[in-house]
């Protein structure tokens, strides 16, 4: 990936998170009860076309993370989870993938009530 594309993508992710700053959720990223990172993320519904009923269920959520926040996490994966600082709401990670530029993680998560 040419560096100018990565730099542009990093700027775009920064702009996205700045534009939606009031909607950012502050929290912590865990694996096996170990706090791996302090994170901020955006939460949105999973598009209906991605709900397959097997892996992705209705009411699952799409989470967006700046990859910088997860630099200390070795490959986010299912069975990891995030906990929102303000509400203590836990969301279990169902799927995770890093975009082609390496700047943003997109994850599908399931609320644990």
N, C-alpha and C. Protein backbone atom coordinates (compact mmCIF):
# COMPACT_ATOMS: atom_id res chain seq x y z
N UNK A 1 0.85 -1.17 0.00
CA UNK A 1 0.00 0.00 0.00
C UNK A 1 0.90 1.23 0.00
N UNK A 2 0.78 2.07 -1.02
CA UNK A 2 1.58 3.29 -1.06
C UNK A 2 1.30 4.17 0.17
N UNK A 3 2.36 4.78 0.67
CA UNK A 3 2.26 5.59 1.90
C UNK A 3 1.29 6.75 1.77
N UNK A 4 1.17 7.35 0.58
CA UNK A 4 0.24 8.49 0.44
C UNK A 4 -1.21 8.04 0.63
N UNK A 5 -1.54 6.79 0.26
CA UNK A 5 -2.89 6.29 0.50
C UNK A 5 -3.12 6.05 1.99
N UNK A 6 -2.11 5.50 2.65
CA UNK A 6 -2.24 5.24 4.08
C UNK A 6 -2.37 6.55 4.84
N UNK A 7 -1.58 7.55 4.48
CA UNK A 7 -1.66 8.85 5.14
C UNK A 7 -3.04 9.47 4.92
N UNK A 8 -3.57 9.36 3.71
CA UNK A 8 -4.91 9.88 3.42
C UNK A 8 -5.98 9.15 4.22
N UNK A 9 -5.83 7.83 4.34
CA UNK A 9 -6.79 7.03 5.11
C UNK A 9 -6.73 7.39 6.59
N UNK A 10 -5.53 7.58 7.11
CA UNK A 10 -5.39 7.98 8.52
C UNK A 10 -6.05 9.32 8.77
N UNK A 11 -5.90 10.24 7.83
CA UNK A 11 -6.55 11.55 7.95
C UNK A 11 -8.07 11.39 7.92
N UNK A 12 -8.56 10.55 7.03
CA UNK A 12 -10.01 10.33 6.91
C UNK A 12 -10.58 9.71 8.18
N UNK A 13 -9.88 8.74 8.77
CA UNK A 13 -10.34 8.13 10.02
C UNK A 13 -10.35 9.18 11.13
N UNK A 14 -9.30 9.98 11.19
CA UNK A 14 -9.25 11.06 12.19
C UNK A 14 -10.41 12.02 12.01
N UNK A 15 -10.71 12.37 10.77
CA UNK A 15 -11.84 13.28 10.49
C UNK A 15 -13.17 12.64 10.87
N UNK A 16 -13.34 11.37 10.57
CA UNK A 16 -14.56 10.65 10.91
C UNK A 16 -14.80 10.68 12.42
N UNK A 17 -13.77 10.34 13.18
CA UNK A 17 -13.92 10.30 14.62
C UNK A 17 -14.09 11.71 15.20
N UNK A 18 -13.48 12.71 14.60
CA UNK A 18 -13.66 14.09 15.06
C UNK A 18 -15.08 14.57 14.76
N UNK A 19 -15.60 14.23 13.58
CA UNK A 19 -16.93 14.67 13.19
C UNK A 19 -18.01 14.05 14.09
N UNK A 20 -17.79 12.82 14.51
CA UNK A 20 -18.78 12.12 15.34
C UNK A 20 -18.32 12.01 16.80
N UNK A 21 -17.51 12.94 17.25
CA UNK A 21 -16.94 12.89 18.59
C UNK A 21 -17.99 12.75 19.68
N UNK A 22 -19.13 13.39 19.52
CA UNK A 22 -20.17 13.31 20.56
C UNK A 22 -20.80 11.92 20.64
N UNK A 23 -20.60 11.10 19.61
CA UNK A 23 -21.16 9.75 19.59
C UNK A 23 -20.14 8.67 19.94
N UNK A 24 -18.90 9.05 20.14
CA UNK A 24 -17.86 8.08 20.48
C UNK A 24 -18.14 7.45 21.84
N UNK A 25 -17.92 6.17 21.93
CA UNK A 25 -18.06 5.44 23.18
C UNK A 25 -16.66 5.16 23.71
N UNK A 26 -16.38 5.58 24.92
CA UNK A 26 -15.09 5.30 25.55
C UNK A 26 -15.21 3.97 26.28
N UNK A 27 -14.15 3.19 26.21
CA UNK A 27 -14.21 1.89 26.88
C UNK A 27 -12.88 1.20 26.94
N UNK A 28 -12.94 -0.10 27.20
CA UNK A 28 -11.74 -0.92 27.33
C UNK A 28 -11.92 -2.19 26.52
N UNK A 29 -10.82 -2.63 25.92
CA UNK A 29 -10.82 -3.84 25.08
C UNK A 29 -10.19 -4.97 25.89
N UNK A 30 -10.90 -6.09 25.99
CA UNK A 30 -10.46 -7.21 26.82
C UNK A 30 -10.29 -8.49 26.01
N UNK A 31 -9.38 -9.32 26.50
CA UNK A 31 -9.25 -10.70 26.05
C UNK A 31 -9.03 -11.54 27.30
N UNK A 32 -9.91 -12.50 27.50
CA UNK A 32 -9.81 -13.40 28.66
C UNK A 32 -9.63 -12.62 29.96
N UNK A 33 -10.46 -11.63 30.18
CA UNK A 33 -10.48 -10.81 31.39
C UNK A 33 -9.24 -9.94 31.57
N UNK A 34 -8.41 -9.82 30.55
CA UNK A 34 -7.23 -8.95 30.61
C UNK A 34 -7.51 -7.70 29.78
N UNK A 35 -7.39 -6.54 30.42
CA UNK A 35 -7.61 -5.27 29.73
C UNK A 35 -6.40 -5.01 28.83
N UNK A 36 -6.62 -5.05 27.51
CA UNK A 36 -5.53 -4.88 26.56
C UNK A 36 -5.36 -3.45 26.07
N UNK A 37 -6.45 -2.67 26.07
CA UNK A 37 -6.36 -1.32 25.52
C UNK A 37 -7.53 -0.46 25.99
N UNK A 38 -7.26 0.83 26.11
CA UNK A 38 -8.30 1.83 26.30
C UNK A 38 -8.66 2.32 24.91
N UNK A 39 -9.95 2.31 24.60
CA UNK A 39 -10.38 2.59 23.23
C UNK A 39 -11.53 3.58 23.19
N UNK A 40 -11.74 4.14 22.01
CA UNK A 40 -12.94 4.91 21.68
C UNK A 40 -13.46 4.30 20.40
N UNK A 41 -14.79 4.14 20.31
CA UNK A 41 -15.34 3.51 19.12
C UNK A 41 -16.72 4.07 18.80
N UNK A 42 -17.10 3.91 17.55
CA UNK A 42 -18.44 4.28 17.09
C UNK A 42 -19.29 3.03 17.01
N UNK A 43 -20.55 3.16 17.35
CA UNK A 43 -21.50 2.04 17.33
C UNK A 43 -22.62 2.37 16.35
N UNK A 44 -22.95 1.41 15.52
CA UNK A 44 -24.06 1.59 14.58
C UNK A 44 -24.71 0.24 14.31
N UNK A 45 -25.91 0.24 13.75
CA UNK A 45 -26.55 -1.04 13.44
C UNK A 45 -25.81 -1.75 12.31
N UNK A 46 -25.88 -3.06 12.32
CA UNK A 46 -25.36 -3.85 11.21
C UNK A 46 -26.36 -3.74 10.07
N UNK A 47 -25.90 -3.46 8.85
CA UNK A 47 -26.84 -3.41 7.72
C UNK A 47 -27.58 -4.74 7.57
N UNK A 48 -28.88 -4.70 7.31
CA UNK A 48 -29.67 -5.94 7.21
C UNK A 48 -29.09 -6.97 6.24
N UNK A 49 -28.46 -6.52 5.17
CA UNK A 49 -27.89 -7.45 4.19
C UNK A 49 -26.76 -8.29 4.78
N UNK A 50 -26.16 -7.83 5.86
CA UNK A 50 -25.06 -8.57 6.49
C UNK A 50 -25.52 -9.52 7.59
N UNK A 51 -26.79 -9.45 7.95
CA UNK A 51 -27.33 -10.34 8.99
C UNK A 51 -27.64 -11.67 8.32
N UNK A 52 -26.80 -12.68 8.59
CA UNK A 52 -27.00 -13.99 7.95
C UNK A 52 -27.77 -14.96 8.83
N UNK A 53 -27.98 -14.61 10.10
CA UNK A 53 -28.72 -15.47 11.02
C UNK A 53 -27.88 -16.57 11.62
N UNK A 54 -26.71 -16.81 11.07
CA UNK A 54 -25.81 -17.85 11.61
C UNK A 54 -24.72 -17.21 12.47
N UNK A 55 -23.88 -16.41 11.83
CA UNK A 55 -22.81 -15.73 12.58
C UNK A 55 -23.30 -14.36 13.06
N UNK A 56 -23.82 -13.57 12.14
CA UNK A 56 -24.32 -12.24 12.48
C UNK A 56 -25.83 -12.33 12.70
N UNK A 57 -26.25 -11.93 13.90
CA UNK A 57 -27.64 -12.05 14.32
C UNK A 57 -28.34 -10.68 14.27
N UNK A 58 -29.68 -10.69 14.19
CA UNK A 58 -30.41 -9.42 14.33
C UNK A 58 -30.03 -8.77 15.67
N UNK A 59 -29.94 -7.48 15.69
CA UNK A 59 -29.57 -6.67 16.86
C UNK A 59 -28.08 -6.66 17.17
N UNK A 60 -27.26 -7.38 16.39
CA UNK A 60 -25.81 -7.21 16.54
C UNK A 60 -25.46 -5.79 16.10
N UNK A 61 -24.30 -5.31 16.52
CA UNK A 61 -23.89 -3.94 16.21
C UNK A 61 -22.56 -3.94 15.47
N UNK A 62 -22.39 -2.90 14.67
CA UNK A 62 -21.14 -2.69 13.95
C UNK A 62 -20.34 -1.66 14.76
N UNK A 63 -19.09 -1.98 15.08
CA UNK A 63 -18.22 -1.08 15.84
C UNK A 63 -17.05 -0.67 14.96
N UNK A 64 -16.70 0.61 15.00
CA UNK A 64 -15.55 1.12 14.26
C UNK A 64 -14.52 1.63 15.25
N UNK A 65 -13.27 1.17 15.08
CA UNK A 65 -12.16 1.56 15.94
C UNK A 65 -11.04 2.14 15.10
N UNK A 66 -10.39 3.17 15.61
CA UNK A 66 -9.14 3.64 15.01
C UNK A 66 -8.09 2.57 15.31
N UNK A 67 -7.38 2.10 14.30
CA UNK A 67 -6.39 1.03 14.49
C UNK A 67 -5.30 1.42 15.47
N UNK A 68 -5.03 2.71 15.60
CA UNK A 68 -4.02 3.17 16.57
C UNK A 68 -4.40 2.75 17.98
N UNK A 69 -5.70 2.82 18.31
CA UNK A 69 -6.16 2.45 19.65
C UNK A 69 -5.95 0.96 19.94
N UNK A 70 -5.91 0.15 18.89
CA UNK A 70 -5.78 -1.30 19.07
C UNK A 70 -4.40 -1.82 18.70
N UNK A 71 -3.42 -0.93 18.64
CA UNK A 71 -2.06 -1.33 18.26
C UNK A 71 -1.48 -2.40 19.19
N UNK A 72 -1.86 -2.38 20.46
CA UNK A 72 -1.34 -3.34 21.43
C UNK A 72 -2.06 -4.68 21.41
N UNK A 73 -3.14 -4.77 20.62
CA UNK A 73 -3.94 -5.99 20.58
C UNK A 73 -3.48 -6.86 19.41
N UNK A 74 -3.10 -8.08 19.72
CA UNK A 74 -2.69 -9.01 18.69
C UNK A 74 -3.92 -9.61 18.02
N UNK A 75 -4.25 -9.10 16.84
CA UNK A 75 -5.35 -9.60 16.02
C UNK A 75 -6.67 -9.75 16.80
N UNK A 76 -7.47 -8.68 16.90
CA UNK A 76 -8.78 -8.82 17.53
C UNK A 76 -9.54 -10.00 16.95
N UNK A 77 -10.31 -10.68 17.80
CA UNK A 77 -10.97 -11.92 17.38
C UNK A 77 -12.22 -12.20 18.19
N UNK A 78 -13.01 -13.16 17.71
CA UNK A 78 -14.16 -13.58 18.50
C UNK A 78 -13.71 -14.02 19.89
N UNK A 79 -14.57 -13.82 20.85
CA UNK A 79 -14.34 -14.09 22.29
C UNK A 79 -13.61 -12.95 22.99
N UNK A 80 -13.09 -11.97 22.25
CA UNK A 80 -12.66 -10.73 22.88
C UNK A 80 -13.92 -9.94 23.18
N UNK A 81 -13.80 -8.87 23.96
CA UNK A 81 -14.96 -8.04 24.23
C UNK A 81 -14.55 -6.63 24.61
N UNK A 82 -15.49 -5.71 24.45
CA UNK A 82 -15.28 -4.33 24.87
C UNK A 82 -16.33 -3.99 25.93
N UNK A 83 -15.92 -3.14 26.85
CA UNK A 83 -16.84 -2.69 27.91
C UNK A 83 -16.85 -1.17 27.88
N UNK A 84 -18.03 -0.60 27.73
CA UNK A 84 -18.18 0.85 27.73
C UNK A 84 -17.93 1.39 29.13
N UNK A 85 -17.12 2.43 29.22
CA UNK A 85 -16.77 3.00 30.53
C UNK A 85 -17.97 3.59 31.25
N UNK A 86 -18.81 4.34 30.55
CA UNK A 86 -19.91 5.05 31.19
C UNK A 86 -21.03 4.12 31.65
N UNK A 87 -21.37 3.12 30.84
CA UNK A 87 -22.52 2.27 31.14
C UNK A 87 -22.16 0.87 31.63
N UNK A 88 -20.91 0.48 31.48
CA UNK A 88 -20.44 -0.88 31.78
C UNK A 88 -21.05 -1.93 30.87
N UNK A 89 -21.66 -1.51 29.76
CA UNK A 89 -22.24 -2.44 28.81
C UNK A 89 -21.13 -3.22 28.12
N UNK A 90 -21.25 -4.53 28.15
CA UNK A 90 -20.27 -5.40 27.51
C UNK A 90 -20.79 -5.78 26.12
N UNK A 91 -19.88 -5.76 25.16
CA UNK A 91 -20.18 -6.22 23.80
C UNK A 91 -19.13 -7.26 23.42
N UNK A 92 -19.60 -8.47 23.12
CA UNK A 92 -18.70 -9.55 22.70
C UNK A 92 -18.41 -9.42 21.21
N UNK A 93 -17.16 -9.57 20.84
CA UNK A 93 -16.76 -9.47 19.44
C UNK A 93 -17.17 -10.76 18.71
N UNK A 94 -17.85 -10.60 17.59
CA UNK A 94 -18.29 -11.72 16.76
C UNK A 94 -17.34 -11.89 15.57
N UNK A 95 -17.04 -10.80 14.89
CA UNK A 95 -16.09 -10.79 13.77
C UNK A 95 -15.27 -9.51 13.84
N UNK A 96 -14.09 -9.55 13.24
CA UNK A 96 -13.24 -8.36 13.20
C UNK A 96 -12.40 -8.39 11.93
N UNK A 97 -12.29 -7.24 11.29
CA UNK A 97 -11.35 -7.15 10.17
C UNK A 97 -10.77 -5.74 10.08
N UNK A 98 -9.53 -5.71 9.65
CA UNK A 98 -8.78 -4.47 9.47
C UNK A 98 -8.91 -4.05 8.01
N UNK A 99 -9.17 -2.77 7.78
CA UNK A 99 -9.29 -2.31 6.39
C UNK A 99 -7.96 -2.43 5.65
N UNK A 100 -8.01 -2.33 4.35
CA UNK A 100 -6.84 -2.57 3.51
C UNK A 100 -5.69 -1.59 3.81
N UNK A 101 -6.00 -0.40 4.31
CA UNK A 101 -4.95 0.57 4.62
C UNK A 101 -4.36 0.38 6.02
N UNK A 102 -4.98 -0.49 6.82
CA UNK A 102 -4.49 -0.73 8.17
C UNK A 102 -4.81 0.38 9.15
N UNK A 103 -5.84 1.17 8.85
CA UNK A 103 -6.14 2.33 9.70
C UNK A 103 -7.41 2.20 10.53
N UNK A 104 -8.32 1.29 10.15
CA UNK A 104 -9.57 1.18 10.91
C UNK A 104 -10.00 -0.29 11.02
N UNK A 105 -10.37 -0.67 12.25
CA UNK A 105 -10.95 -1.97 12.51
C UNK A 105 -12.46 -1.85 12.46
N UNK A 106 -13.11 -2.76 11.75
CA UNK A 106 -14.56 -2.87 11.75
C UNK A 106 -14.89 -4.21 12.41
N UNK A 107 -15.75 -4.17 13.42
CA UNK A 107 -16.11 -5.38 14.14
C UNK A 107 -17.63 -5.47 14.26
N UNK A 108 -18.09 -6.69 14.30
CA UNK A 108 -19.48 -6.94 14.63
C UNK A 108 -19.47 -7.44 16.07
N UNK A 109 -20.35 -6.88 16.89
CA UNK A 109 -20.38 -7.23 18.31
C UNK A 109 -21.81 -7.50 18.74
N UNK A 110 -21.91 -8.26 19.82
CA UNK A 110 -23.21 -8.63 20.37
C UNK A 110 -23.26 -8.14 21.83
N UNK A 111 -24.32 -7.40 22.15
CA UNK A 111 -24.50 -6.91 23.52
C UNK A 111 -24.69 -8.08 24.48
N UNK A 112 -24.09 -7.95 25.65
CA UNK A 112 -24.29 -8.92 26.73
C UNK A 112 -25.04 -8.18 27.82
N UNK A 113 -26.29 -8.52 27.99
CA UNK A 113 -27.13 -7.80 28.96
C UNK A 113 -27.19 -8.50 30.29
